[in-house]
N, C-alpha and C. Protein backbone atom coordinates (compact mmCIF):
# COMPACT_ATOMS: atom_id res chain seq x y z
N MET A 1 48.59 122.94 66.81
CA MET A 1 48.67 124.36 66.95
C MET A 1 47.67 124.83 68.02
N ALA A 2 48.18 125.45 69.05
CA ALA A 2 47.32 125.92 70.14
C ALA A 2 46.62 127.20 69.76
N GLN A 3 45.35 127.26 70.08
CA GLN A 3 44.56 128.45 69.77
C GLN A 3 44.45 129.31 71.02
N LYS A 4 44.64 130.61 70.84
CA LYS A 4 44.52 131.53 71.97
C LYS A 4 43.05 131.84 72.22
N LYS A 5 42.69 131.85 73.48
CA LYS A 5 41.34 132.24 73.84
C LYS A 5 41.26 133.76 73.87
N ALA A 6 40.16 134.28 73.36
CA ALA A 6 39.94 135.72 73.45
C ALA A 6 39.64 136.06 74.90
N SER A 7 40.40 136.98 75.44
CA SER A 7 40.17 137.33 76.84
C SER A 7 39.46 138.67 76.95
N LYS A 8 38.51 138.72 77.84
CA LYS A 8 37.82 139.97 78.11
C LYS A 8 38.65 140.75 79.10
N LYS A 9 38.77 142.05 78.87
CA LYS A 9 39.50 142.89 79.80
C LYS A 9 38.54 143.31 80.90
N VAL A 10 38.75 142.80 82.09
CA VAL A 10 37.90 143.10 83.22
C VAL A 10 38.64 144.09 84.11
N PHE A 11 37.97 145.22 84.44
CA PHE A 11 38.60 146.20 85.32
C PHE A 11 38.48 145.74 86.75
N LYS A 12 39.59 145.64 87.38
CA LYS A 12 39.60 145.35 88.80
C LYS A 12 40.27 146.55 89.46
N ALA A 13 39.56 147.23 90.32
CA ALA A 13 40.07 148.45 90.93
C ALA A 13 41.39 148.17 91.63
N LYS A 14 42.39 148.99 91.32
CA LYS A 14 43.68 148.88 91.98
C LYS A 14 43.69 149.70 93.25
N ILE A 15 42.57 150.39 93.49
CA ILE A 15 42.40 151.18 94.70
C ILE A 15 41.16 150.66 95.40
N GLN A 16 41.28 150.34 96.67
CA GLN A 16 40.13 149.94 97.47
C GLN A 16 39.82 151.07 98.43
N PRO A 17 38.72 151.79 98.22
CA PRO A 17 38.37 152.88 99.13
C PRO A 17 38.11 152.35 100.53
N LEU A 18 38.42 153.17 101.52
CA LEU A 18 38.21 152.80 102.91
C LEU A 18 37.01 153.55 103.48
N ALA A 19 36.42 152.98 104.50
CA ALA A 19 35.30 153.58 105.25
C ALA A 19 34.18 154.01 104.31
N ASP A 20 33.83 155.30 104.33
CA ASP A 20 32.69 155.79 103.54
C ASP A 20 33.15 156.47 102.25
N ARG A 21 34.28 156.05 101.71
CA ARG A 21 34.79 156.66 100.48
C ARG A 21 34.37 155.84 99.26
N VAL A 22 34.28 156.55 98.13
CA VAL A 22 33.79 155.96 96.88
C VAL A 22 34.77 156.31 95.77
N LEU A 23 35.13 155.32 94.94
CA LEU A 23 35.97 155.54 93.76
C LEU A 23 35.04 155.73 92.56
N ILE A 24 35.14 156.89 91.91
CA ILE A 24 34.27 157.24 90.79
C ILE A 24 35.10 157.46 89.54
N ARG A 25 34.67 156.87 88.42
CA ARG A 25 35.32 157.15 87.12
C ARG A 25 34.63 158.39 86.55
N GLU A 26 35.44 159.41 86.28
CA GLU A 26 34.91 160.65 85.73
C GLU A 26 34.34 160.41 84.34
N GLU A 27 33.21 161.02 84.06
CA GLU A 27 32.61 160.93 82.74
C GLU A 27 32.66 162.29 82.08
N GLU A 28 32.77 162.27 80.76
CA GLU A 28 32.79 163.52 79.99
C GLU A 28 31.48 164.26 80.18
N ALA A 29 31.56 165.58 80.18
CA ALA A 29 30.34 166.38 80.28
C ALA A 29 29.50 166.16 79.03
N LYS A 30 28.28 165.75 79.22
CA LYS A 30 27.38 165.51 78.10
C LYS A 30 25.96 165.52 78.64
N GLN A 31 25.02 165.49 77.74
CA GLN A 31 23.64 165.44 78.17
C GLN A 31 23.36 164.03 78.66
N VAL A 32 22.85 163.94 79.87
CA VAL A 32 22.60 162.65 80.49
C VAL A 32 21.09 162.42 80.54
N LYS A 33 20.66 161.21 80.19
CA LYS A 33 19.25 160.84 80.29
C LYS A 33 19.12 159.76 81.35
N THR A 34 18.26 160.01 82.33
CA THR A 34 18.04 159.02 83.37
C THR A 34 17.11 157.94 82.83
N ASN A 35 17.03 156.80 83.51
CA ASN A 35 16.14 155.71 83.09
C ASN A 35 14.68 156.14 83.07
N SER A 36 14.34 157.10 83.92
CA SER A 36 12.96 157.57 83.95
C SER A 36 12.65 158.58 82.85
N GLY A 37 13.67 158.91 82.02
CA GLY A 37 13.44 159.78 80.87
C GLY A 37 13.76 161.24 81.09
N ILE A 38 14.33 161.59 82.23
CA ILE A 38 14.68 162.98 82.50
C ILE A 38 16.05 163.27 81.90
N TYR A 39 16.13 164.36 81.10
CA TYR A 39 17.39 164.79 80.52
C TYR A 39 18.04 165.83 81.42
N ILE A 40 19.31 165.62 81.71
CA ILE A 40 20.09 166.60 82.47
C ILE A 40 21.05 167.22 81.47
N PRO A 41 20.82 168.47 81.07
CA PRO A 41 21.61 169.09 80.01
C PRO A 41 23.03 169.45 80.44
N GLU A 42 23.91 169.66 79.44
CA GLU A 42 25.28 170.07 79.70
C GLU A 42 25.36 171.34 80.51
N SER A 43 24.39 172.24 80.31
CA SER A 43 24.42 173.54 80.99
C SER A 43 24.41 173.38 82.51
N VAL A 44 23.92 172.26 83.02
CA VAL A 44 23.94 172.02 84.46
C VAL A 44 25.39 171.96 84.93
N ASP A 45 26.27 171.48 84.07
CA ASP A 45 27.68 171.34 84.40
C ASP A 45 28.51 172.53 83.92
N ALA A 46 27.86 173.60 83.51
CA ALA A 46 28.57 174.74 82.93
C ALA A 46 29.56 175.37 83.90
N ASP A 47 29.23 175.39 85.18
CA ASP A 47 30.15 176.00 86.14
C ASP A 47 31.20 175.03 86.65
N LYS A 48 31.18 173.81 86.19
CA LYS A 48 32.16 172.76 86.52
C LYS A 48 32.16 172.37 88.00
N SER A 49 31.17 172.84 88.78
CA SER A 49 31.14 172.45 90.18
C SER A 49 30.39 171.13 90.38
N THR A 50 29.54 170.78 89.44
CA THR A 50 28.81 169.52 89.51
C THR A 50 29.35 168.58 88.44
N LYS A 51 29.66 167.36 88.84
CA LYS A 51 30.25 166.39 87.92
C LYS A 51 29.47 165.10 87.97
N PHE A 52 29.58 164.32 86.90
CA PHE A 52 28.92 163.02 86.81
C PHE A 52 29.98 161.95 86.73
N GLY A 53 29.68 160.78 87.24
CA GLY A 53 30.62 159.68 87.16
C GLY A 53 29.96 158.36 87.52
N LYS A 54 30.71 157.29 87.25
CA LYS A 54 30.22 155.94 87.53
C LYS A 54 31.01 155.38 88.72
N VAL A 55 30.29 154.78 89.66
CA VAL A 55 30.92 154.21 90.85
C VAL A 55 31.64 152.92 90.46
N ILE A 56 32.94 152.87 90.75
CA ILE A 56 33.79 151.73 90.41
C ILE A 56 34.04 150.83 91.62
N ALA A 57 34.22 151.45 92.79
CA ALA A 57 34.47 150.69 94.02
C ALA A 57 33.99 151.50 95.21
N ILE A 58 33.60 150.81 96.29
CA ILE A 58 33.14 151.48 97.50
C ILE A 58 33.82 150.88 98.72
N GLY A 59 33.88 151.68 99.79
CA GLY A 59 34.38 151.20 101.06
C GLY A 59 33.30 150.43 101.79
N ALA A 60 33.62 149.96 102.98
CA ALA A 60 32.67 149.15 103.77
C ALA A 60 31.55 149.98 104.37
N GLY A 61 31.80 151.25 104.63
CA GLY A 61 30.80 152.11 105.24
C GLY A 61 31.39 152.90 106.39
N LYS A 62 30.61 153.84 106.88
CA LYS A 62 31.07 154.71 107.96
C LYS A 62 30.88 154.03 109.31
N PHE A 63 31.86 154.17 110.18
CA PHE A 63 31.81 153.59 111.52
C PHE A 63 31.18 154.62 112.46
N GLU A 64 30.00 154.30 113.00
CA GLU A 64 29.26 155.23 113.85
C GLU A 64 28.63 154.49 115.02
N ASP A 65 28.82 155.00 116.21
CA ASP A 65 28.23 154.41 117.43
C ASP A 65 28.53 152.92 117.55
N GLY A 66 29.74 152.53 117.21
CA GLY A 66 30.15 151.14 117.35
C GLY A 66 29.66 150.21 116.26
N LYS A 67 29.00 150.75 115.23
CA LYS A 67 28.48 149.92 114.14
C LYS A 67 28.90 150.52 112.80
N ILE A 68 28.97 149.68 111.79
CA ILE A 68 29.25 150.16 110.44
C ILE A 68 27.93 150.46 109.75
N VAL A 69 27.79 151.71 109.28
CA VAL A 69 26.60 152.12 108.54
C VAL A 69 26.85 151.78 107.07
N PRO A 70 26.06 150.89 106.47
CA PRO A 70 26.32 150.47 105.09
C PRO A 70 26.17 151.62 104.10
N MET A 71 26.85 151.49 102.97
CA MET A 71 26.82 152.50 101.92
C MET A 71 25.49 152.45 101.19
N LYS A 72 25.01 153.63 100.75
CA LYS A 72 23.77 153.70 99.97
C LYS A 72 24.05 153.56 98.48
N VAL A 73 25.26 153.97 98.05
CA VAL A 73 25.61 153.81 96.64
C VAL A 73 26.20 152.43 96.44
N LYS A 74 26.12 151.94 95.20
CA LYS A 74 26.70 150.63 94.90
C LYS A 74 27.50 150.72 93.61
N VAL A 75 28.34 149.76 93.40
CA VAL A 75 29.16 149.71 92.19
C VAL A 75 28.24 149.68 90.97
N GLY A 76 28.54 150.54 89.99
CA GLY A 76 27.73 150.62 88.78
C GLY A 76 26.78 151.80 88.75
N ASP A 77 26.51 152.41 89.91
CA ASP A 77 25.63 153.58 89.96
C ASP A 77 26.27 154.76 89.24
N THR A 78 25.45 155.57 88.56
CA THR A 78 25.91 156.84 88.00
C THR A 78 25.49 157.90 89.01
N VAL A 79 26.46 158.72 89.43
CA VAL A 79 26.22 159.67 90.51
C VAL A 79 26.59 161.10 90.10
N VAL A 80 26.04 162.04 90.85
CA VAL A 80 26.38 163.45 90.72
C VAL A 80 27.15 163.81 91.98
N TYR A 81 28.32 164.45 91.80
CA TYR A 81 29.14 164.82 92.95
C TYR A 81 29.75 166.20 92.71
N SER A 82 30.26 166.81 93.76
CA SER A 82 30.80 168.16 93.66
C SER A 82 32.31 168.19 93.48
N TRP A 83 33.03 167.46 94.29
CA TRP A 83 34.49 167.49 94.22
C TRP A 83 35.04 166.21 94.84
N GLY A 84 36.33 166.02 94.68
CA GLY A 84 36.99 164.86 95.26
C GLY A 84 38.48 164.88 94.97
N ASP A 85 39.19 163.91 95.49
CA ASP A 85 40.62 163.77 95.25
C ASP A 85 40.83 163.05 93.93
N LYS A 86 41.50 163.71 93.00
CA LYS A 86 41.70 163.15 91.66
C LYS A 86 42.90 162.21 91.63
N VAL A 87 42.72 161.07 90.96
CA VAL A 87 43.80 160.12 90.73
C VAL A 87 43.71 159.64 89.28
N GLU A 88 44.84 159.19 88.74
CA GLU A 88 44.84 158.66 87.38
C GLU A 88 45.47 157.27 87.41
N ILE A 89 44.75 156.30 86.84
CA ILE A 89 45.23 154.92 86.79
C ILE A 89 45.18 154.47 85.34
N GLU A 90 46.32 154.09 84.80
CA GLU A 90 46.43 153.61 83.42
C GLU A 90 45.73 154.54 82.43
N GLY A 91 45.93 155.85 82.61
CA GLY A 91 45.39 156.84 81.69
C GLY A 91 43.94 157.21 81.91
N GLN A 92 43.25 156.56 82.83
CA GLN A 92 41.84 156.86 83.12
C GLN A 92 41.77 157.72 84.38
N LYS A 93 40.93 158.76 84.34
CA LYS A 93 40.78 159.66 85.48
C LYS A 93 39.70 159.17 86.43
N TYR A 94 40.03 159.19 87.72
CA TYR A 94 39.11 158.78 88.77
C TYR A 94 39.10 159.85 89.86
N VAL A 95 38.08 159.78 90.69
CA VAL A 95 37.94 160.69 91.82
C VAL A 95 37.56 159.85 93.04
N ILE A 96 38.16 160.18 94.19
CA ILE A 96 37.79 159.52 95.44
C ILE A 96 37.03 160.55 96.27
N VAL A 97 35.80 160.22 96.66
CA VAL A 97 34.96 161.14 97.43
C VAL A 97 34.37 160.41 98.63
N ARG A 98 33.96 161.17 99.62
CA ARG A 98 33.17 160.59 100.71
C ARG A 98 31.75 160.44 100.20
N GLU A 99 31.04 159.48 100.71
CA GLU A 99 29.66 159.27 100.26
C GLU A 99 28.83 160.53 100.49
N SER A 100 29.12 161.29 101.53
CA SER A 100 28.36 162.51 101.81
C SER A 100 28.56 163.59 100.76
N GLU A 101 29.62 163.49 99.93
CA GLU A 101 29.87 164.45 98.84
C GLU A 101 29.08 164.12 97.59
N ILE A 102 28.42 162.98 97.57
CA ILE A 102 27.59 162.59 96.42
C ILE A 102 26.22 163.23 96.60
N SER A 103 25.81 164.01 95.60
CA SER A 103 24.54 164.74 95.68
C SER A 103 23.35 163.87 95.32
N ALA A 104 23.54 162.98 94.32
CA ALA A 104 22.40 162.19 93.85
C ALA A 104 22.88 160.95 93.11
N ILE A 105 22.00 159.96 93.05
CA ILE A 105 22.21 158.77 92.24
C ILE A 105 21.23 158.88 91.08
N LEU A 106 21.73 158.81 89.84
CA LEU A 106 20.86 158.88 88.67
C LEU A 106 20.32 157.49 88.38
N ASN A 107 19.01 157.37 88.34
CA ASN A 107 18.37 156.07 88.10
C ASN A 107 18.15 155.85 86.63
């Protein structure tokens, strides 16, 4: 009798952002605590113009003066952003933004 191996479900982005674009998984509005202990309350998101999310995939970087400028954000970072192009993949909501639309990286 063959035994089935338990498989871990690994997310592999079905979208590969180009240039200086970033794929972000939207997170529910909640009180966020940074690693340094700073709490960012829900009220910061009360006007819905500032959003939080986790970076899922990044592009190679912006092409400037004949060179590629590497991205400052990396996969796994939690970021604050203002807006982006919304997409839905397998029931999960994502946003595609330019790196310049990211306001901050939460440490």
